[in-house]
């Protein structure tokens, strides 16, 4: 009976040791978390700058379109004035 108890205790101790993370495992997990967060931050910053650039280009395009329409309207007004 003593042998069974000793073997059982040894198996349980090994099982518990296997379940617990070591300091190296914890450090690796923390490093991975830091890397993932850094990647997230870089992606967010990149997306923000891309969105800002897109908005600026859209605004410039709209301004050019508006200017083109103003020129066209002025041309139409001149043509109407000379016809009437």
PDB file of N, CA and C in Angstrom:
ATOM      1  N   UNK A   1       0.811  -1.189   0.000  1.00  0.00           N
ATOM      2  CA  UNK A   1       0.000   0.000   0.000  1.00  0.00           C
ATOM      3  C   UNK A   1       0.861   1.261   0.000  1.00  0.00           C
ATOM      4  N   UNK A   2       1.987   1.213   0.699  1.00  0.00           N
ATOM      5  CA  UNK A   2       2.854   2.377   0.742  1.00  0.00           C
ATOM      6  C   UNK A   2       3.404   2.709  -0.646  1.00  0.00           C
ATOM      7  N   UNK A   3       3.693   1.662  -1.427  1.00  0.00           N
ATOM      8  CA  UNK A   3       4.217   1.910  -2.772  1.00  0.00           C
ATOM      9  C   UNK A   3       3.172   2.604  -3.642  1.00  0.00           C
ATOM     10  N   UNK A   4       1.948   2.198  -3.520  1.00  0.00           N
ATOM     11  CA  UNK A   4       0.884   2.818  -4.302  1.00  0.00           C
ATOM     12  C   UNK A   4       0.736   4.283  -3.903  1.00  0.00           C
ATOM     13  N   UNK A   5       0.798   4.568  -2.635  1.00  0.00           N
ATOM     14  CA  UNK A   5       0.673   5.936  -2.148  1.00  0.00           C
ATOM     15  C   UNK A   5       1.829   6.785  -2.640  1.00  0.00           C
ATOM     16  N   UNK A   6       3.038   6.244  -2.574  1.00  0.00           N
ATOM     17  CA  UNK A   6       4.220   6.983  -3.020  1.00  0.00           C
ATOM     18  C   UNK A   6       4.138   7.250  -4.520  1.00  0.00           C
ATOM     19  N   UNK A   7       3.739   6.242  -5.295  1.00  0.00           N
ATOM     20  CA  UNK A   7       3.616   6.408  -6.741  1.00  0.00           C
ATOM     21  C   UNK A   7       2.523   7.426  -7.060  1.00  0.00           C
ATOM     22  N   UNK A   8       1.412   7.361  -6.341  1.00  0.00           N
ATOM     23  CA  UNK A   8       0.313   8.299  -6.572  1.00  0.00           C
ATOM     24  C   UNK A   8       0.749   9.728  -6.275  1.00  0.00           C
ATOM     25  N   UNK A   9       1.441   9.925  -5.177  1.00  0.00           N
ATOM     26  CA  UNK A   9       1.921  11.257  -4.820  1.00  0.00           C
ATOM     27  C   UNK A   9       2.918  11.757  -5.862  1.00  0.00           C
ATOM     28  N   UNK A  10       3.780  10.882  -6.331  1.00  0.00           N
ATOM     29  CA  UNK A  10       4.766  11.275  -7.341  1.00  0.00           C
ATOM     30  C   UNK A  10       4.077  11.668  -8.641  1.00  0.00           C
ATOM     31  N   UNK A  11       3.076  10.891  -9.053  1.00  0.00           N
ATOM     32  CA  UNK A  11       2.344  11.201 -10.282  1.00  0.00           C
ATOM     33  C   UNK A  11       1.598  12.526 -10.138  1.00  0.00           C
ATOM     34  N   UNK A  12       0.965  12.758  -9.008  1.00  0.00           N
ATOM     35  CA  UNK A  12       0.254  14.013  -8.785  1.00  0.00           C
ATOM     36  C   UNK A  12       1.213  15.204  -8.777  1.00  0.00           C
ATOM     37  N   UNK A  13       2.382  15.016  -8.163  1.00  0.00           N
ATOM     38  CA  UNK A  13       3.369  16.101  -8.130  1.00  0.00           C
ATOM     39  C   UNK A  13       3.857  16.431  -9.536  1.00  0.00           C
ATOM     40  N   UNK A  14       4.103  15.392 -10.336  1.00  0.00           N
ATOM     41  CA  UNK A  14       4.529  15.638 -11.715  1.00  0.00           C
ATOM     42  C   UNK A  14       3.420  16.304 -12.523  1.00  0.00           C
ATOM     43  N   UNK A  15       2.203  15.904 -12.284  1.00  0.00           N
ATOM     44  CA  UNK A  15       1.066  16.509 -12.978  1.00  0.00           C
ATOM     45  C   UNK A  15       0.921  17.979 -12.638  1.00  0.00           C
ATOM     46  N   UNK A  16       1.066  18.309 -11.372  1.00  0.00           N
ATOM     47  CA  UNK A  16       0.984  19.712 -10.968  1.00  0.00           C
ATOM     48  C   UNK A  16       2.140  20.519 -11.545  1.00  0.00           C
ATOM     49  N   UNK A  17       3.304  19.928 -11.565  1.00  0.00           N
ATOM     50  CA  UNK A  17       4.463  20.622 -12.116  1.00  0.00           C
ATOM     51  C   UNK A  17       4.270  20.882 -13.608  1.00  0.00           C
ATOM     52  N   UNK A  18       3.654  19.956 -14.284  1.00  0.00           N
ATOM     53  CA  UNK A  18       3.422  20.116 -15.715  1.00  0.00           C
ATOM     54  C   UNK A  18       2.361  21.184 -15.995  1.00  0.00           C
ATOM     55  N   UNK A  19       1.431  21.347 -15.088  1.00  0.00           N
ATOM     56  CA  UNK A  19       0.369  22.330 -15.287  1.00  0.00           C
ATOM     57  C   UNK A  19       0.831  23.758 -15.030  1.00  0.00           C
ATOM     58  N   UNK A  20       1.776  23.926 -14.143  1.00  0.00           N
ATOM     59  CA  UNK A  20       2.234  25.272 -13.795  1.00  0.00           C
ATOM     60  C   UNK A  20       3.205  25.776 -14.851  1.00  0.00           C
ATOM     61  N   UNK A  21       2.995  27.022 -15.268  1.00  0.00           N
ATOM     62  CA  UNK A  21       3.922  27.627 -16.223  1.00  0.00           C
ATOM     63  C   UNK A  21       5.178  28.045 -15.481  1.00  0.00           C
ATOM     64  N   UNK A  22       6.262  27.923 -16.145  1.00  0.00           N
ATOM     65  CA  UNK A  22       7.512  28.383 -15.553  1.00  0.00           C
ATOM     66  C   UNK A  22       7.679  29.860 -15.825  1.00  0.00           C
ATOM     67  N   UNK A  23       8.672  30.453 -15.231  1.00  0.00           N
ATOM     68  CA  UNK A  23       8.943  31.867 -15.462  1.00  0.00           C
ATOM     69  C   UNK A  23       9.227  32.139 -16.921  1.00  0.00           C
ATOM     70  N   UNK A  24       9.938  31.235 -17.572  1.00  0.00           N
ATOM     71  CA  UNK A  24      10.251  31.419 -18.991  1.00  0.00           C
ATOM     72  C   UNK A  24       8.981  31.394 -19.840  1.00  0.00           C
ATOM     73  N   UNK A  25       8.062  30.487 -19.496  1.00  0.00           N
ATOM     74  CA  UNK A  25       6.794  30.428 -20.231  1.00  0.00           C
ATOM     75  C   UNK A  25       6.000  31.712 -20.034  1.00  0.00           C
ATOM     76  N   UNK A  26       5.970  32.211 -18.801  1.00  0.00           N
ATOM     77  CA  UNK A  26       5.255  33.460 -18.532  1.00  0.00           C
ATOM     78  C   UNK A  26       5.901  34.625 -19.275  1.00  0.00           C
ATOM     79  N   UNK A  27       7.227  34.661 -19.290  1.00  0.00           N
ATOM     80  CA  UNK A  27       7.926  35.730 -19.997  1.00  0.00           C
ATOM     81  C   UNK A  27       7.623  35.679 -21.485  1.00  0.00           C
ATOM     82  N   UNK A  28       7.604  34.469 -22.045  1.00  0.00           N
ATOM     83  CA  UNK A  28       7.305  34.324 -23.473  1.00  0.00           C
ATOM     84  C   UNK A  28       5.880  34.780 -23.768  1.00  0.00           C
ATOM     85  N   UNK A  29       4.949  34.429 -22.897  1.00  0.00           N
ATOM     86  CA  UNK A  29       3.559  34.841 -23.082  1.00  0.00           C
ATOM     87  C   UNK A  29       3.441  36.359 -22.988  1.00  0.00           C
ATOM     88  N   UNK A  30       4.151  36.954 -22.041  1.00  0.00           N
ATOM     89  CA  UNK A  30       4.111  38.415 -21.898  1.00  0.00           C
ATOM     90  C   UNK A  30       4.731  39.103 -23.110  1.00  0.00           C
ATOM     91  N   UNK A  31       5.822  38.553 -23.605  1.00  0.00           N
ATOM     92  CA  UNK A  31       6.477  39.132 -24.781  1.00  0.00           C
ATOM     93  C   UNK A  31       5.556  39.060 -25.996  1.00  0.00           C
ATOM     94  N   UNK A  32       4.865  37.946 -26.135  1.00  0.00           N
ATOM     95  CA  UNK A  32       3.922  37.794 -27.246  1.00  0.00           C
ATOM     96  C   UNK A  32       2.794  38.820 -27.127  1.00  0.00           C
ATOM     97  N   UNK A  33       2.304  39.018 -25.910  1.00  0.00           N
ATOM     98  CA  UNK A  33       1.239  40.000 -25.705  1.00  0.00           C
ATOM     99  C   UNK A  33       1.721  41.404 -26.052  1.00  0.00           C
ATOM    100  N   UNK A  34       2.935  41.731 -25.659  1.00  0.00           N
ATOM    101  CA  UNK A  34       3.490  43.053 -25.968  1.00  0.00           C
ATOM    102  C   UNK A  34       3.628  43.223 -27.474  1.00  0.00           C
ATOM    103  N   UNK A  35       4.117  42.195 -28.152  1.00  0.00           N
ATOM    104  CA  UNK A  35       4.266  42.268 -29.606  1.00  0.00           C
ATOM    105  C   UNK A  35       2.915  42.421 -30.296  1.00  0.00           C
ATOM    106  N   UNK A  36       1.930  41.682 -29.824  1.00  0.00           N
ATOM    107  CA  UNK A  36       0.596  41.790 -30.423  1.00  0.00           C
ATOM    108  C   UNK A  36       0.012  43.181 -30.224  1.00  0.00           C
ATOM    109  N   UNK A  37       0.191  43.738 -29.026  1.00  0.00           N
ATOM    110  CA  UNK A  37      -0.325  45.080 -28.768  1.00  0.00           C
ATOM    111  C   UNK A  37       0.403  46.115 -29.604  1.00  0.00           C
ATOM    112  N   UNK A  38       1.696  45.948 -29.771  1.00  0.00           N
ATOM    113  CA  UNK A  38       2.460  46.887 -30.600  1.00  0.00           C
ATOM    114  C   UNK A  38       1.990  46.814 -32.045  1.00  0.00           C
ATOM    115  N   UNK A  39       1.759  45.602 -32.524  1.00  0.00           N
ATOM    116  CA  UNK A  39       1.270  45.441 -33.902  1.00  0.00           C
ATOM    117  C   UNK A  39      -0.099  46.095 -34.064  1.00  0.00           C
ATOM    118  N   UNK A  40      -0.948  45.930 -33.062  1.00  0.00           N
ATOM    119  CA  UNK A  40      -2.276  46.562 -33.101  1.00  0.00           C
ATOM    120  C   UNK A  40      -2.140  48.081 -33.168  1.00  0.00           C
ATOM    121  N   UNK A  41      -1.252  48.638 -32.337  1.00  0.00           N
ATOM    122  CA  UNK A  41      -1.059  50.091 -32.323  1.00  0.00           C
ATOM    123  C   UNK A  41      -0.552  50.600 -33.664  1.00  0.00           C
ATOM    124  N   UNK A  42       0.398  49.871 -34.256  1.00  0.00           N
ATOM    125  CA  UNK A  42       0.937  50.282 -35.558  1.00  0.00           C
ATOM    126  C   UNK A  42      -0.147  50.226 -36.617  1.00  0.00           C
ATOM    127  N   UNK A  43      -0.934  49.164 -36.604  1.00  0.00           N
ATOM    128  CA  UNK A  43      -2.016  49.049 -37.586  1.00  0.00           C
ATOM    129  C   UNK A  43      -3.045  50.160 -37.407  1.00  0.00           C
ATOM    130  N   UNK A  44      -3.365  50.476 -36.164  1.00  0.00           N
ATOM    131  CA  UNK A  44      -4.340  51.538 -35.912  1.00  0.00           C
ATOM    132  C   UNK A  44      -3.807  52.880 -36.394  1.00  0.00           C
ATOM    133  N   UNK A  45      -2.535  53.140 -36.134  1.00  0.00           N
ATOM    134  CA  UNK A  45      -1.939  54.406 -36.581  1.00  0.00           C
ATOM    135  C   UNK A  45      -1.891  54.474 -38.100  1.00  0.00           C
ATOM    136  N   UNK A  46      -1.566  53.357 -38.720  1.00  0.00           N
ATOM    137  CA  UNK A  46      -1.522  53.311 -40.186  1.00  0.00           C
ATOM    138  C   UNK A  46      -2.904  53.554 -40.765  1.00  0.00           C
ATOM    139  N   UNK A  47      -3.893  52.900 -40.178  1.00  0.00           N
ATOM    140  CA  UNK A  47      -5.264  53.077 -40.665  1.00  0.00           C
ATOM    141  C   UNK A  47      -5.722  54.521 -40.496  1.00  0.00           C
ATOM    142  N   UNK A  48      -5.366  55.145 -39.376  1.00  0.00           N
ATOM    143  CA  UNK A  48      -5.754  56.535 -39.149  1.00  0.00           C
ATOM    144  C   UNK A  48      -5.134  57.443 -40.200  1.00  0.00           C
ATOM    145  N   UNK A  49      -3.857  57.241 -40.497  1.00  0.00           N
ATOM    146  CA  UNK A  49      -3.206  58.111 -41.480  1.00  0.00           C
ATOM    147  C   UNK A  49      -3.755  57.867 -42.877  1.00  0.00           C
ATOM    148  N   UNK A  50      -4.062  56.613 -43.192  1.00  0.00           N
ATOM    149  CA  UNK A  50      -4.649  56.307 -44.506  1.00  0.00           C
ATOM    150  C   UNK A  50      -6.030  56.945 -44.618  1.00  0.00           C
ATOM    151  N   UNK A  51      -6.807  56.855 -43.555  1.00  0.00           N
ATOM    152  CA  UNK A  51      -8.141  57.460 -43.586  1.00  0.00           C
ATOM    153  C   UNK A  51      -8.054  58.980 -43.720  1.00  0.00           C
ATOM    154  N   UNK A  52      -7.094  59.587 -43.041  1.00  0.00           N
ATOM    155  CA  UNK A  52      -6.926  61.043 -43.142  1.00  0.00           C
ATOM    156  C   UNK A  52      -6.500  61.432 -44.555  1.00  0.00           C
ATOM    157  N   UNK A  53      -5.608  60.665 -45.148  1.00  0.00           N
ATOM    158  CA  UNK A  53      -5.169  60.949 -46.517  1.00  0.00           C
ATOM    159  C   UNK A  53      -6.322  60.783 -47.498  1.00  0.00           C
ATOM    160  N   UNK A  54      -7.105  59.726 -47.309  1.00  0.00           N
ATOM    161  CA  UNK A  54      -8.272  59.526 -48.183  1.00  0.00           C
ATOM    162  C   UNK A  54      -9.253  60.687 -48.074  1.00  0.00           C
ATOM    163  N   UNK A  55      -9.490  61.139 -46.843  1.00  0.00           N
ATOM    164  CA  UNK A  55     -10.421  62.253 -46.641  1.00  0.00           C
ATOM    165  C   UNK A  55      -9.892  63.519 -47.313  1.00  0.00           C
ATOM    166  N   UNK A  56      -8.587  63.758 -47.193  1.00  0.00           N
ATOM    167  CA  UNK A  56      -7.999  64.945 -47.827  1.00  0.00           C
ATOM    168  C   UNK A  56      -8.100  64.865 -49.347  1.00  0.00           C
ATOM    169  N   UNK A  57      -7.843  63.683 -49.894  1.00  0.00           N
ATOM    170  CA  UNK A  57      -7.956  63.517 -51.351  1.00  0.00           C
ATOM    171  C   UNK A  57      -9.394  63.687 -51.817  1.00  0.00           C
ATOM    172  N   UNK A  58     -10.317  63.168 -51.047  1.00  0.00           N
ATOM    173  CA  UNK A  58     -11.729  63.330 -51.403  1.00  0.00           C
ATOM    174  C   UNK A  58     -12.135  64.799 -51.371  1.00  0.00           C
ATOM    175  N   UNK A  59     -11.663  65.513 -50.362  1.00  0.00           N
ATOM    176  CA  UNK A  59     -11.990  66.938 -50.263  1.00  0.00           C
ATOM    177  C   UNK A  59     -11.393  67.703 -51.442  1.00  0.00           C
ATOM    178  N   UNK A  60     -10.164  67.382 -51.801  1.00  0.00           N
ATOM    179  CA  UNK A  60      -9.527  68.050 -52.944  1.00  0.00           C
ATOM    180  C   UNK A  60     -10.263  67.729 -54.233  1.00  0.00           C
ATOM    181  N   UNK A  61     -10.647  66.483 -54.394  1.00  0.00           N
ATOM    182  CA  UNK A  61     -11.386  66.076 -55.592  1.00  0.00           C
ATOM    183  C   UNK A  61     -12.722  66.800 -55.672  1.00  0.00           C
ATOM    184  N   UNK A  62     -13.386  66.912 -54.539  1.00  0.00           N
ATOM    185  CA  UNK A  62     -14.670  67.632 -54.521  1.00  0.00           C
ATOM    186  C   UNK A  62     -14.468  69.106 -54.869  1.00  0.00           C
ATOM    187  N   UNK A  63     -13.381  69.688 -54.377  1.00  0.00           N
ATOM    188  CA  UNK A  63     -13.107  71.100 -54.682  1.00  0.00           C
ATOM    189  C   UNK A  63     -12.850  71.289 -56.178  1.00  0.00           C
ATOM    190  N   UNK A  64     -12.123  70.361 -56.771  1.00  0.00           N
ATOM    191  CA  UNK A  64     -11.859  70.437 -58.219  1.00  0.00           C
ATOM    192  C   UNK A  64     -13.160  70.271 -58.996  1.00  0.00           C
ATOM    193  N   UNK A  65     -13.979  69.328 -58.572  1.00  0.00           N
ATOM    194  CA  UNK A  65     -15.277  69.140 -59.233  1.00  0.00           C
ATOM    195  C   UNK A  65     -16.129  70.401 -59.133  1.00  0.00           C
ATOM    196  N   UNK A  66     -16.148  71.003 -57.949  1.00  0.00           N
ATOM    197  CA  UNK A  66     -16.939  72.223 -57.764  1.00  0.00           C
ATOM    198  C   UNK A  66     -16.416  73.363 -58.629  1.00  0.00           C
ATOM    199  N   UNK A  67     -15.116  73.470 -58.720  1.00  0.00           N
ATOM    200  CA  UNK A  67     -14.528  74.520 -59.563  1.00  0.00           C
ATOM    201  C   UNK A  67     -14.882  74.286 -61.034  1.00  0.00           C
ATOM    202  N   UNK A  68     -14.827  73.032 -61.446  1.00  0.00           N
ATOM    203  CA  UNK A  68     -15.202  72.697 -62.825  1.00  0.00           C
ATOM    204  C   UNK A  68     -16.643  73.041 -63.111  1.00  0.00           C
ATOM    205  N   UNK A  69     -17.525  72.774 -62.164  1.00  0.00           N
ATOM    206  CA  UNK A  69     -18.938  73.095 -62.342  1.00  0.00           C
ATOM    207  C   UNK A  69     -19.148  74.604 -62.369  1.00  0.00           C
ATOM    208  N   UNK A  70     -18.373  75.333 -61.566  1.00  0.00           N
ATOM    209  CA  UNK A  70     -18.491  76.793 -61.566  1.00  0.00           C
ATOM    210  C   UNK A  70     -18.060  77.368 -62.912  1.00  0.00           C
ATOM    211  N   UNK A  71     -16.999  76.823 -63.481  1.00  0.00           N
ATOM    212  CA  UNK A  71     -16.544  77.270 -64.807  1.00  0.00           C
ATOM    213  C   UNK A  71     -17.598  76.948 -65.851  1.00  0.00           C
ATOM    214  N   UNK A  72     -18.158  75.771 -65.765  1.00  0.00           N
ATOM    215  CA  UNK A  72     -19.198  75.378 -66.720  1.00  0.00           C
ATOM    216  C   UNK A  72     -20.422  76.279 -66.593  1.00  0.00           C
ATOM    217  N   UNK A  73     -20.806  76.599 -65.367  1.00  0.00           N
ATOM    218  CA  UNK A  73     -21.953  77.488 -65.163  1.00  0.00           C
ATOM    219  C   UNK A  73     -21.660  78.883 -65.697  1.00  0.00           C
ATOM    220  N   UNK A  74     -20.432  79.363 -65.498  1.00  0.00           N
ATOM    221  CA  UNK A  74     -20.068  80.684 -66.011  1.00  0.00           C
ATOM    222  C   UNK A  74     -20.101  80.690 -67.529  1.00  0.00           C
ATOM    223  N   UNK A  75     -19.627  79.608 -68.125  1.00  0.00           N
ATOM    224  CA  UNK A  75     -19.647  79.496 -69.585  1.00  0.00           C
ATOM    225  C   UNK A  75     -21.079  79.495 -70.094  1.00  0.00           C
ATOM    226  N   UNK A  76     -21.927  78.753 -69.419  1.00  0.00           N
ATOM    227  CA  UNK A  76     -23.352  78.723 -69.801  1.00  0.00           C
ATOM    228  C   UNK A  76     -23.985  80.110 -69.665  1.00  0.00           C
ATOM    229  N   UNK A  77     -23.595  80.825 -68.594  1.00  0.00           N
ATOM    230  CA  UNK A  77     -24.158  82.163 -68.398  1.00  0.00           C
ATOM    231  C   UNK A  77     -23.718  83.109 -69.507  1.00  0.00           C
ATOM    232  N   UNK A  78     -22.459  83.001 -69.923  1.00  0.00           N
ATOM    233  CA  UNK A  78     -21.958  83.848 -71.030  1.00  0.00           C
ATOM    234  C   UNK A  78     -22.691  83.496 -72.306  1.00  0.00           C
ATOM    235  N   UNK A  79     -22.834  82.207 -72.563  1.00  0.00           N
ATOM    236  CA  UNK A  79     -23.531  81.766 -73.794  1.00  0.00           C
ATOM    237  C   UNK A  79     -24.972  82.243 -73.772  1.00  0.00           C
ATOM    238  N   UNK A  80     -25.633  82.133 -72.647  1.00  0.00           N
ATOM    239  CA  UNK A  80     -27.030  82.600 -72.535  1.00  0.00           C
ATOM    240  C   UNK A  80     -27.117  84.114 -72.729  1.00  0.00           C
ATOM    241  N   UNK A  81     -26.156  84.822 -72.202  1.00  0.00           N
ATOM    242  CA  UNK A  81     -26.180  86.286 -72.333  1.00  0.00           C
ATOM    243  C   UNK A  81     -25.991  86.706 -73.778  1.00  0.00           C
ATOM    244  N   UNK A  82     -25.131  86.021 -74.499  1.00  0.00           N
ATOM    245  CA  UNK A  82     -24.903  86.394 -75.897  1.00  0.00           C
ATOM    246  C   UNK A  82     -26.062  85.937 -76.777  1.00  0.00           C
ATOM    247  N   UNK A  83     -26.733  84.881 -76.426  1.00  0.00           N
ATOM    248  CA  UNK A  83     -27.849  84.393 -77.223  1.00  0.00           C
ATOM    249  C   UNK A  83     -29.078  85.239 -76.997  1.00  0.00           C
ATOM    250  N   UNK A  84     -29.301  85.644 -75.798  1.00  0.00           N
ATOM    251  CA  UNK A  84     -30.509  86.430 -75.480  1.00  0.00           C
ATOM    252  C   UNK A  84     -30.182  87.850 -75.713  1.00  0.00           C
TER     253      UNK A  84
END
